[in-house]
Amino acid sequence: AQTLTFPDSLIPLYIAFLAWDEFAATHMKDGLGGA
């Protein structure tokens, strides 16, 4: 959380990836998730 405030920190990008994973997981219909 503290690293969030570092200049040029990529923690915000990592959080976006976590959100992407959660979105994909909640919208999967056939396991691996199609397009």
Full PDB file with SEQRES, HELIX, SHEET, SSBOND, CRYST1, ORIGX, SCALE, CONECT and MASTER records, all heavy atoms in Angstrom:
SEQRES   1 A   35  ALA GLN THR LEU THR PHE PRO ASP SER LEU ILE PRO LEU          
SEQRES   2 A   35  TYR ILE ALA PHE LEU ALA TRP ASP GLU PHE ALA ALA THR          
SEQRES   3 A   35  HIS MET LYS ASP GLY LEU GLY GLY ALA                          
HELIX    1 AA1 GLN A    2  THR A    5  5                                   4    
HELIX    2 AA2 ILE A   11  THR A   26  1                                  16    
CRYST1    1.000    1.000    1.000  90.00  90.00  90.00 P 1           1          
ORIGX1      1.000000  0.000000  0.000000        0.00000                         
ORIGX2      0.000000  1.000000  0.000000        0.00000                         
ORIGX3      0.000000  0.000000  1.000000        0.00000                         
SCALE1      1.000000  0.000000  0.000000        0.00000                         
SCALE2      0.000000  1.000000  0.000000        0.00000                         
SCALE3      0.000000  0.000000  1.000000        0.00000                         
ATOM      1  N   ALA A   1       0.821  -1.198   0.000  1.00  0.00           N  
ATOM      2  CA  ALA A   1       0.000   0.000   0.000  1.00  0.00           C  
ATOM      3  C   ALA A   1       0.862   1.258   0.000  1.00  0.00           C  
ATOM      4  O   ALA A   1       0.565   2.235  -0.685  1.00  0.00           O  
ATOM      5  CB  ALA A   1      -0.935  -0.011   1.210  1.00  0.00           C  
ATOM      6  N   GLN A   2       1.937   1.231   0.768  1.00  0.00           N  
ATOM      7  CA  GLN A   2       2.821   2.393   0.800  1.00  0.00           C  
ATOM      8  C   GLN A   2       3.544   2.581  -0.530  1.00  0.00           C  
ATOM      9  O   GLN A   2       3.825   3.702  -0.950  1.00  0.00           O  
ATOM     10  CB  GLN A   2       3.835   2.236   1.940  1.00  0.00           C  
ATOM     11  CG  GLN A   2       3.219   2.387   3.326  1.00  0.00           C  
ATOM     12  CD  GLN A   2       4.212   2.100   4.437  1.00  0.00           C  
ATOM     13  OE1 GLN A   2       5.200   1.385   4.245  1.00  0.00           O  
ATOM     14  NE2 GLN A   2       3.956   2.651   5.612  1.00  0.00           N  
ATOM     15  N   THR A   3       3.828   1.468  -1.203  1.00  0.00           N  
ATOM     16  CA  THR A   3       4.514   1.546  -2.496  1.00  0.00           C  
ATOM     17  C   THR A   3       3.637   2.216  -3.550  1.00  0.00           C  
ATOM     18  O   THR A   3       4.134   2.688  -4.569  1.00  0.00           O  
ATOM     19  CB  THR A   3       4.917   0.129  -2.960  1.00  0.00           C  
ATOM     20  OG1 THR A   3       5.593  -0.544  -1.905  1.00  0.00           O  
ATOM     21  CG2 THR A   3       5.839   0.185  -4.163  1.00  0.00           C  
ATOM     22  N   LEU A   4       2.335   2.264  -3.294  1.00  0.00           N  
ATOM     23  CA  LEU A   4       1.424   2.947  -4.205  1.00  0.00           C  
ATOM     24  C   LEU A   4       1.847   4.387  -4.456  1.00  0.00           C  
ATOM     25  O   LEU A   4       1.640   4.937  -5.542  1.00  0.00           O  
ATOM     26  CB  LEU A   4       0.009   2.940  -3.617  1.00  0.00           C  
ATOM     27  CG  LEU A   4      -0.931   1.786  -3.971  1.00  0.00           C  
ATOM     28  CD1 LEU A   4      -2.178   1.852  -3.114  1.00  0.00           C  
ATOM     29  CD2 LEU A   4      -1.295   1.817  -5.439  1.00  0.00           C  
ATOM     30  N   THR A   5       2.432   5.013  -3.426  1.00  0.00           N  
ATOM     31  CA  THR A   5       2.741   6.438  -3.522  1.00  0.00           C  
ATOM     32  C   THR A   5       4.108   6.708  -4.136  1.00  0.00           C  
ATOM     33  O   THR A   5       4.469   7.867  -4.343  1.00  0.00           O  
ATOM     34  CB  THR A   5       2.699   7.068  -2.119  1.00  0.00           C  
ATOM     35  OG1 THR A   5       3.703   6.453  -1.282  1.00  0.00           O  
ATOM     36  CG2 THR A   5       1.335   6.869  -1.480  1.00  0.00           C  
ATOM     37  N   PHE A   6       4.885   5.651  -4.433  1.00  0.00           N  
ATOM     38  CA  PHE A   6       6.207   5.862  -5.014  1.00  0.00           C  
ATOM     39  C   PHE A   6       6.078   6.476  -6.406  1.00  0.00           C  
ATOM     40  O   PHE A   6       5.148   6.149  -7.148  1.00  0.00           O  
ATOM     41  CB  PHE A   6       6.980   4.545  -5.121  1.00  0.00           C  
ATOM     42  CG  PHE A   6       7.455   4.005  -3.799  1.00  0.00           C  
ATOM     43  CD1 PHE A   6       7.146   4.630  -2.615  1.00  0.00           C  
ATOM     44  CD2 PHE A   6       8.213   2.844  -3.753  1.00  0.00           C  
ATOM     45  CE1 PHE A   6       7.577   4.120  -1.399  1.00  0.00           C  
ATOM     46  CE2 PHE A   6       8.655   2.334  -2.552  1.00  0.00           C  
ATOM     47  CZ  PHE A   6       8.324   2.969  -1.364  1.00  0.00           C  
ATOM     48  N   PRO A   7       7.024   7.342  -6.781  1.00  0.00           N  
ATOM     49  CA  PRO A   7       6.998   7.888  -8.148  1.00  0.00           C  
ATOM     50  C   PRO A   7       7.137   6.752  -9.178  1.00  0.00           C  
ATOM     51  O   PRO A   7       7.953   5.849  -9.006  1.00  0.00           O  
ATOM     52  CB  PRO A   7       8.233   8.804  -8.182  1.00  0.00           C  
ATOM     53  CG  PRO A   7       8.516   9.129  -6.748  1.00  0.00           C  
ATOM     54  CD  PRO A   7       8.096   7.922  -5.966  1.00  0.00           C  
ATOM     55  N   ASP A   8       6.325   6.802 -10.214  1.00  0.00           N  
ATOM     56  CA  ASP A   8       6.348   5.791 -11.281  1.00  0.00           C  
ATOM     57  C   ASP A   8       6.039   4.384 -10.777  1.00  0.00           C  
ATOM     58  O   ASP A   8       6.437   3.396 -11.390  1.00  0.00           O  
ATOM     59  CB  ASP A   8       7.699   5.791 -12.010  1.00  0.00           C  
ATOM     60  CG  ASP A   8       7.966   7.092 -12.723  1.00  0.00           C  
ATOM     61  OD1 ASP A   8       7.012   7.675 -13.262  1.00  0.00           O  
ATOM     62  OD2 ASP A   8       9.133   7.522 -12.756  1.00  0.00           O  
ATOM     63  N   SER A   9       5.348   4.277  -9.646  1.00  0.00           N  
ATOM     64  CA  SER A   9       4.979   2.961  -9.134  1.00  0.00           C  
ATOM     65  C   SER A   9       4.046   2.255 -10.105  1.00  0.00           C  
ATOM     66  O   SER A   9       3.156   2.876 -10.701  1.00  0.00           O  
ATOM     67  CB  SER A   9       4.292   3.092  -7.763  1.00  0.00           C  
ATOM     68  OG  SER A   9       3.783   1.845  -7.331  1.00  0.00           O  
ATOM     69  N   LEU A  10       4.248   0.946 -10.278  1.00  0.00           N  
ATOM     70  CA  LEU A  10       3.375   0.150 -11.140  1.00  0.00           C  
ATOM     71  C   LEU A  10       2.386  -0.682 -10.334  1.00  0.00           C  
ATOM     72  O   LEU A  10       1.725  -1.566 -10.881  1.00  0.00           O  
ATOM     73  CB  LEU A  10       4.217  -0.752 -12.044  1.00  0.00           C  
ATOM     74  CG  LEU A  10       5.031  -0.042 -13.128  1.00  0.00           C  
ATOM     75  CD1 LEU A  10       5.778  -1.046 -13.990  1.00  0.00           C  
ATOM     76  CD2 LEU A  10       4.138   0.830 -14.000  1.00  0.00           C  
ATOM     77  N   ILE A  11       2.272  -0.394  -9.033  1.00  0.00           N  
ATOM     78  CA  ILE A  11       1.245  -1.065  -8.226  1.00  0.00           C  
ATOM     79  C   ILE A  11      -0.153  -0.788  -8.790  1.00  0.00           C  
ATOM     80  O   ILE A  11      -1.000  -1.688  -8.827  1.00  0.00           O  
ATOM     81  CB  ILE A  11       1.339  -0.625  -6.749  1.00  0.00           C  
ATOM     82  CG1 ILE A  11       2.692  -1.029  -6.146  1.00  0.00           C  
ATOM     83  CG2 ILE A  11       0.214  -1.241  -5.930  1.00  0.00           C  
ATOM     84  CD1 ILE A  11       2.889  -2.505  -5.970  1.00  0.00           C  
ATOM     85  N   PRO A  12      -0.449   0.445  -9.257  1.00  0.00           N  
ATOM     86  CA  PRO A  12      -1.771   0.659  -9.870  1.00  0.00           C  
ATOM     87  C   PRO A  12      -2.040  -0.273 -11.048  1.00  0.00           C  
ATOM     88  O   PRO A  12      -3.172  -0.737 -11.223  1.00  0.00           O  
ATOM     89  CB  PRO A  12      -1.709   2.132 -10.323  1.00  0.00           C  
ATOM     90  CG  PRO A  12      -0.771   2.780  -9.360  1.00  0.00           C  
ATOM     91  CD  PRO A  12       0.277   1.728  -9.092  1.00  0.00           C  
ATOM     92  N   LEU A  13      -1.016  -0.569 -11.840  1.00  0.00           N  
ATOM     93  CA  LEU A  13      -1.190  -1.507 -12.948  1.00  0.00           C  
ATOM     94  C   LEU A  13      -1.437  -2.912 -12.422  1.00  0.00           C  
ATOM     95  O   LEU A  13      -2.272  -3.650 -12.960  1.00  0.00           O  
ATOM     96  CB  LEU A  13       0.040  -1.486 -13.861  1.00  0.00           C  
ATOM     97  CG  LEU A  13       0.060  -2.503 -15.008  1.00  0.00           C  
ATOM     98  CD1 LEU A  13      -1.173  -2.369 -15.890  1.00  0.00           C  
ATOM     99  CD2 LEU A  13       1.337  -2.344 -15.839  1.00  0.00           C  
ATOM    100  N   TYR A  14      -0.724  -3.298 -11.370  1.00  0.00           N  
ATOM    101  CA  TYR A  14      -0.928  -4.624 -10.785  1.00  0.00           C  
ATOM    102  C   TYR A  14      -2.359  -4.758 -10.256  1.00  0.00           C  
ATOM    103  O   TYR A  14      -3.005  -5.796 -10.432  1.00  0.00           O  
ATOM    104  CB  TYR A  14       0.081  -4.864  -9.664  1.00  0.00           C  
ATOM    105  CG  TYR A  14      -0.097  -6.187  -8.967  1.00  0.00           C  
ATOM    106  CD1 TYR A  14       0.106  -7.387  -9.634  1.00  0.00           C  
ATOM    107  CD2 TYR A  14      -0.484  -6.239  -7.627  1.00  0.00           C  
ATOM    108  CE1 TYR A  14      -0.069  -8.606  -8.994  1.00  0.00           C  
ATOM    109  CE2 TYR A  14      -0.655  -7.455  -6.977  1.00  0.00           C  
ATOM    110  CZ  TYR A  14      -0.451  -8.627  -7.665  1.00  0.00           C  
ATOM    111  OH  TYR A  14      -0.624  -9.825  -7.028  1.00  0.00           O  
ATOM    112  N   ILE A  15      -2.861  -3.700  -9.622  1.00  0.00           N  
ATOM    113  CA  ILE A  15      -4.237  -3.719  -9.117  1.00  0.00           C  
ATOM    114  C   ILE A  15      -5.218  -3.865 -10.279  1.00  0.00           C  
ATOM    115  O   ILE A  15      -6.213  -4.592 -10.184  1.00  0.00           O  
ATOM    116  CB  ILE A  15      -4.514  -2.439  -8.308  1.00  0.00           C  
ATOM    117  CG1 ILE A  15      -3.722  -2.482  -6.992  1.00  0.00           C  
ATOM    118  CG2 ILE A  15      -6.001  -2.275  -8.022  1.00  0.00           C  
ATOM    119  CD1 ILE A  15      -3.799  -1.202  -6.173  1.00  0.00           C  
ATOM    120  N   ALA A  16      -4.941  -3.187 -11.394  1.00  0.00           N  
ATOM    121  CA  ALA A  16      -5.805  -3.313 -12.574  1.00  0.00           C  
ATOM    122  C   ALA A  16      -5.796  -4.746 -13.104  1.00  0.00           C  
ATOM    123  O   ALA A  16      -6.838  -5.267 -13.545  1.00  0.00           O  
ATOM    124  CB  ALA A  16      -5.352  -2.337 -13.656  1.00  0.00           C  
ATOM    125  N   PHE A  17      -4.634  -5.416 -13.060  1.00  0.00           N  
ATOM    126  CA  PHE A  17      -4.562  -6.817 -13.478  1.00  0.00           C  
ATOM    127  C   PHE A  17      -5.387  -7.710 -12.546  1.00  0.00           C  
ATOM    128  O   PHE A  17      -6.063  -8.648 -12.994  1.00  0.00           O  
ATOM    129  CB  PHE A  17      -3.110  -7.289 -13.501  1.00  0.00           C  
ATOM    130  CG  PHE A  17      -2.438  -7.132 -14.837  1.00  0.00           C  
ATOM    131  CD1 PHE A  17      -1.315  -6.336 -14.973  1.00  0.00           C  
ATOM    132  CD2 PHE A  17      -2.922  -7.780 -15.956  1.00  0.00           C  
ATOM    133  CE1 PHE A  17      -0.683  -6.190 -16.204  1.00  0.00           C  
ATOM    134  CE2 PHE A  17      -2.306  -7.645 -17.200  1.00  0.00           C  
ATOM    135  CZ  PHE A  17      -1.184  -6.838 -17.315  1.00  0.00           C  
ATOM    136  N   LEU A  18      -5.314  -7.438 -11.224  1.00  0.00           N  
ATOM    137  CA  LEU A  18      -6.117  -8.214 -10.277  1.00  0.00           C  
ATOM    138  C   LEU A  18      -7.603  -8.037 -10.579  1.00  0.00           C  
ATOM    139  O   LEU A  18      -8.379  -9.004 -10.535  1.00  0.00           O  
ATOM    140  CB  LEU A  18      -5.820  -7.766  -8.843  1.00  0.00           C  
ATOM    141  CG  LEU A  18      -4.428  -8.054  -8.287  1.00  0.00           C  
ATOM    142  CD1 LEU A  18      -4.309  -7.526  -6.861  1.00  0.00           C  
ATOM    143  CD2 LEU A  18      -4.129  -9.546  -8.312  1.00  0.00           C  
ATOM    144  N   ALA A  19      -7.993  -6.797 -10.879  1.00  0.00           N  
ATOM    145  CA  ALA A  19      -9.393  -6.533 -11.218  1.00  0.00           C  
ATOM    146  C   ALA A  19      -9.779  -7.264 -12.501  1.00  0.00           C  
ATOM    147  O   ALA A  19     -10.895  -7.797 -12.613  1.00  0.00           O  
ATOM    148  CB  ALA A  19      -9.602  -5.022 -11.372  1.00  0.00           C  
ATOM    149  N   TRP A  20      -8.872  -7.276 -13.474  1.00  0.00           N  
ATOM    150  CA  TRP A  20      -9.132  -7.993 -14.737  1.00  0.00           C  
ATOM    151  C   TRP A  20      -9.373  -9.472 -14.449  1.00  0.00           C  
ATOM    152  O   TRP A  20     -10.297 -10.084 -14.997  1.00  0.00           O  
ATOM    153  CB  TRP A  20      -7.945  -7.814 -15.668  1.00  0.00           C  
ATOM    154  CG  TRP A  20      -8.185  -8.195 -17.102  1.00  0.00           C  
ATOM    155  CD1 TRP A  20      -8.501  -7.364 -18.128  1.00  0.00           C  
ATOM    156  CD2 TRP A  20      -8.122  -9.515 -17.668  1.00  0.00           C  
ATOM    157  NE1 TRP A  20      -8.644  -8.072 -19.309  1.00  0.00           N  
ATOM    158  CE2 TRP A  20      -8.415  -9.402 -19.054  1.00  0.00           C  
ATOM    159  CE3 TRP A  20      -7.855 -10.778 -17.149  1.00  0.00           C  
ATOM    160  CZ2 TRP A  20      -8.439 -10.502 -19.905  1.00  0.00           C  
ATOM    161  CZ3 TRP A  20      -7.888 -11.881 -18.005  1.00  0.00           C  
ATOM    162  CH2 TRP A  20      -8.173 -11.729 -19.363  1.00  0.00           C  
ATOM    163  N   ASP A  21      -8.534 -10.064 -13.594  1.00  0.00           N  
ATOM    164  CA  ASP A  21      -8.700 -11.480 -13.246  1.00  0.00           C  
ATOM    165  C   ASP A  21     -10.049 -11.726 -12.592  1.00  0.00           C  
ATOM    166  O   ASP A  21     -10.732 -12.721 -12.881  1.00  0.00           O  
ATOM    167  CB  ASP A  21      -7.581 -11.915 -12.285  1.00  0.00           C  
ATOM    168  CG  ASP A  21      -6.329 -12.360 -13.019  1.00  0.00           C  
ATOM    169  OD1 ASP A  21      -6.405 -12.565 -14.240  1.00  0.00           O  
ATOM    170  OD2 ASP A  21      -5.278 -12.501 -12.380  1.00  0.00           O  
ATOM    171  N   GLU A  22     -10.433 -10.818 -11.693  1.00  0.00           N  
ATOM    172  CA  GLU A  22     -11.714 -11.013 -11.000  1.00  0.00           C  
ATOM    173  C   GLU A  22     -12.891 -10.870 -11.968  1.00  0.00           C  
ATOM    174  O   GLU A  22     -13.851 -11.636 -11.912  1.00  0.00           O  
ATOM    175  CB  GLU A  22     -11.848 -10.009  -9.853  1.00  0.00           C  
ATOM    176  CG  GLU A  22     -13.110 -10.246  -9.030  1.00  0.00           C  
ATOM    177  CD  GLU A  22     -13.150  -9.403  -7.766  1.00  0.00           C  
ATOM    178  OE1 GLU A  22     -12.074  -9.061  -7.248  1.00  0.00           O  
ATOM    179  OE2 GLU A  22     -14.268  -9.097  -7.320  1.00  0.00           O  
ATOM    180  N   PHE A  23     -12.794  -9.884 -12.848  1.00  0.00           N  
ATOM    181  CA  PHE A  23     -13.850  -9.713 -13.851  1.00  0.00           C  
ATOM    182  C   PHE A  23     -13.960 -10.976 -14.705  1.00  0.00           C  
ATOM    183  O   PHE A  23     -15.066 -11.494 -14.936  1.00  0.00           O  
ATOM    184  CB  PHE A  23     -13.522  -8.502 -14.734  1.00  0.00           C  
ATOM    185  CG  PHE A  23     -14.556  -8.191 -15.770  1.00  0.00           C  
ATOM    186  CD1 PHE A  23     -15.431  -7.127 -15.601  1.00  0.00           C  
ATOM    187  CD2 PHE A  23     -14.673  -8.954 -16.938  1.00  0.00           C  
ATOM    188  CE1 PHE A  23     -16.392  -6.830 -16.567  1.00  0.00           C  
ATOM    189  CE2 PHE A  23     -15.612  -8.671 -17.899  1.00  0.00           C  
ATOM    190  CZ  PHE A  23     -16.497  -7.609 -17.715  1.00  0.00           C  
ATOM    191  N   ALA A  24     -12.827 -11.462 -15.210  1.00  0.00           N  
ATOM    192  CA  ALA A  24     -12.843 -12.652 -16.068  1.00  0.00           C  
ATOM    193  C   ALA A  24     -13.396 -13.857 -15.317  1.00  0.00           C  
ATOM    194  O   ALA A  24     -14.148 -14.662 -15.875  1.00  0.00           O  
ATOM    195  CB  ALA A  24     -11.436 -12.940 -16.579  1.00  0.00           C  
ATOM    196  N   ALA A  25     -13.027 -13.981 -14.030  1.00  0.00           N  
ATOM    197  CA  ALA A  25     -13.482 -15.136 -13.250  1.00  0.00           C  
ATOM    198  C   ALA A  25     -14.988 -15.113 -13.050  1.00  0.00           C  
ATOM    199  O   ALA A  25     -15.647 -16.156 -13.094  1.00  0.00           O  
ATOM    200  CB  ALA A  25     -12.776 -15.152 -11.899  1.00  0.00           C  
ATOM    201  N   THR A  26     -15.557 -13.923 -12.851  1.00  0.00           N  
ATOM    202  CA  THR A  26     -16.999 -13.830 -12.603  1.00  0.00           C  
ATOM    203  C   THR A  26     -17.827 -13.901 -13.876  1.00  0.00           C  
ATOM    204  O   THR A  26     -19.045 -14.035 -13.821  1.00  0.00           O  
ATOM    205  CB  THR A  26     -17.330 -12.505 -11.876  1.00  0.00           C  
ATOM    206  OG1 THR A  26     -16.804 -11.411 -12.639  1.00  0.00           O  
ATOM    207  CG2 THR A  26     -16.730 -12.495 -10.489  1.00  0.00           C  
ATOM    208  N   HIS A  27     -17.168 -13.810 -15.039  1.00  0.00           N  
ATOM    209  CA  HIS A  27     -17.897 -13.853 -16.310  1.00  0.00           C  
ATOM    210  C   HIS A  27     -17.597 -15.114 -17.116  1.00  0.00           C  
ATOM    211  O   HIS A  27     -17.993 -15.229 -18.267  1.00  0.00           O  
ATOM    212  CB  HIS A  27     -17.565 -12.626 -17.163  1.00  0.00           C  
ATOM    213  CG  HIS A  27     -18.145 -11.367 -16.628  1.00  0.00           C  
ATOM    214  ND1 HIS A  27     -17.654 -10.748 -15.499  1.00  0.00           N  
ATOM    215  CD2 HIS A  27     -19.194 -10.609 -17.053  1.00  0.00           C  
ATOM    216  CE1 HIS A  27     -18.360  -9.649 -15.254  1.00  0.00           C  
ATOM    217  NE2 HIS A  27     -19.298  -9.541 -16.177  1.00  0.00           N  
ATOM    218  N   MET A  28     -16.881 -16.062 -16.543  1.00  0.00           N  
ATOM    219  CA  MET A  28     -16.564 -17.282 -17.278  1.00  0.00           C  
ATOM    220  C   MET A  28     -17.774 -18.192 -17.345  1.00  0.00           C  
ATOM    221  O   MET A  28     -18.476 -18.378 -16.361  1.00  0.00           O  
ATOM    222  CB  MET A  28     -15.405 -18.023 -16.608  1.00  0.00           C  
ATOM    223  CG  MET A  28     -14.043 -17.411 -16.909  1.00  0.00           C  
ATOM    224  SD  MET A  28     -12.712 -18.394 -16.188  1.00  0.00           S  
ATOM    225  CE  MET A  28     -11.295 -17.432 -16.696  1.00  0.00           C  
ATOM    226  N   LYS A  29     -17.975 -18.767 -18.524  1.00  0.00           N  
ATOM    227  CA  LYS A  29     -19.091 -19.695 -18.716  1.00  0.00           C  
ATOM    228  C   LYS A  29     -18.606 -21.107 -19.017  1.00  0.00           C  
ATOM    229  O   LYS A  29     -19.285 -22.077 -18.745  1.00  0.00           O  
ATOM    230  CB  LYS A  29     -19.978 -19.211 -19.868  1.00  0.00           C  
ATOM    231  CG  LYS A  29     -20.613 -17.850 -19.619  1.00  0.00           C  
ATOM    232  CD  LYS A  29     -21.362 -17.372 -20.844  1.00  0.00           C  
ATOM    233  CE  LYS A  29     -21.945 -15.978 -20.641  1.00  0.00           C  
ATOM    234  NZ  LYS A  29     -22.605 -15.473 -21.868  1.00  0.00           N  
ATOM    235  N   ASP A  30     -17.402 -21.199 -19.627  1.00  0.00           N  
ATOM    236  CA  ASP A  30     -16.937 -22.519 -20.053  1.00  0.00           C  
ATOM    237  C   ASP A  30     -15.537 -22.813 -19.528  1.00  0.00           C  
ATOM    238  O   ASP A  30     -14.756 -23.490 -20.163  1.00  0.00           O  
ATOM    239  CB  ASP A  30     -16.940 -22.617 -21.573  1.00  0.00           C  
ATOM    240  CG  ASP A  30     -16.099 -21.512 -22.225  1.00  0.00           C  
ATOM    241  OD1 ASP A  30     -15.565 -20.672 -21.482  1.00  0.00           O  
ATOM    242  OD2 ASP A  30     -15.972 -21.523 -23.461  1.00  0.00           O  
ATOM    243  N   GLY A  31     -15.226 -22.275 -18.352  1.00  0.00           N  
ATOM    244  CA  GLY A  31     -13.955 -22.631 -17.730  1.00  0.00           C  
ATOM    245  C   GLY A  31     -12.837 -21.683 -18.050  1.00  0.00           C  
ATOM    246  O   GLY A  31     -12.506 -20.812 -17.278  1.00  0.00           O  
ATOM    247  N   LEU A  32     -12.231 -21.833 -19.204  1.00  0.00           N  
ATOM    248  CA  LEU A  32     -11.082 -21.005 -19.539  1.00  0.00           C  
ATOM    249  C   LEU A  32     -11.479 -19.610 -19.972  1.00  0.00           C  
ATOM    250  O   LEU A  32     -10.670 -18.702 -19.958  1.00  0.00           O  
ATOM    251  CB  LEU A  32     -10.251 -21.663 -20.647  1.00  0.00           C  
ATOM    252  CG  LEU A  32      -9.399 -22.830 -20.192  1.00  0.00           C  
ATOM    253  CD1 LEU A  32      -8.706 -23.445 -21.390  1.00  0.00           C  
ATOM    254  CD2 LEU A  32      -8.375 -22.384 -19.181  1.00  0.00           C  
ATOM    255  N   GLY A  33     -12.693 -19.416 -20.350  1.00  0.00           N  
ATOM    256  CA  GLY A  33     -13.137 -18.079 -20.736  1.00  0.00           C  
ATOM    257  C   GLY A  33     -12.792 -17.760 -22.166  1.00  0.00           C  
ATOM    258  O   GLY A  33     -11.652 -17.581 -22.517  1.00  0.00           O  
ATOM    259  N   GLY A  34     -13.784 -17.683 -23.000  1.00  0.00           N  
ATOM    260  CA  GLY A  34     -13.545 -17.294 -24.379  1.00  0.00           C  
ATOM    261  C   GLY A  34     -13.496 -15.787 -24.504  1.00  0.00           C  
ATOM    262  O   GLY A  34     -13.524 -15.058 -23.521  1.00  0.00           O  
ATOM    263  N   ALA A  35     -13.473 -15.304 -25.750  1.00  0.00           N  
ATOM    264  CA  ALA A  35     -13.337 -13.869 -25.968  1.00  0.00           C  
ATOM    265  C   ALA A  35     -14.507 -13.102 -25.377  1.00  0.00           C  
ATOM    266  O   ALA A  35     -14.380 -11.942 -25.020  1.00  0.00           O  
ATOM    267  CB  ALA A  35     -13.212 -13.587 -27.451  1.00  0.00           C  
TER     268      ALA A  35                                                      
MASTER        0    0    0    2    0    0    0    6  267    1    0    3          
END                                                                             
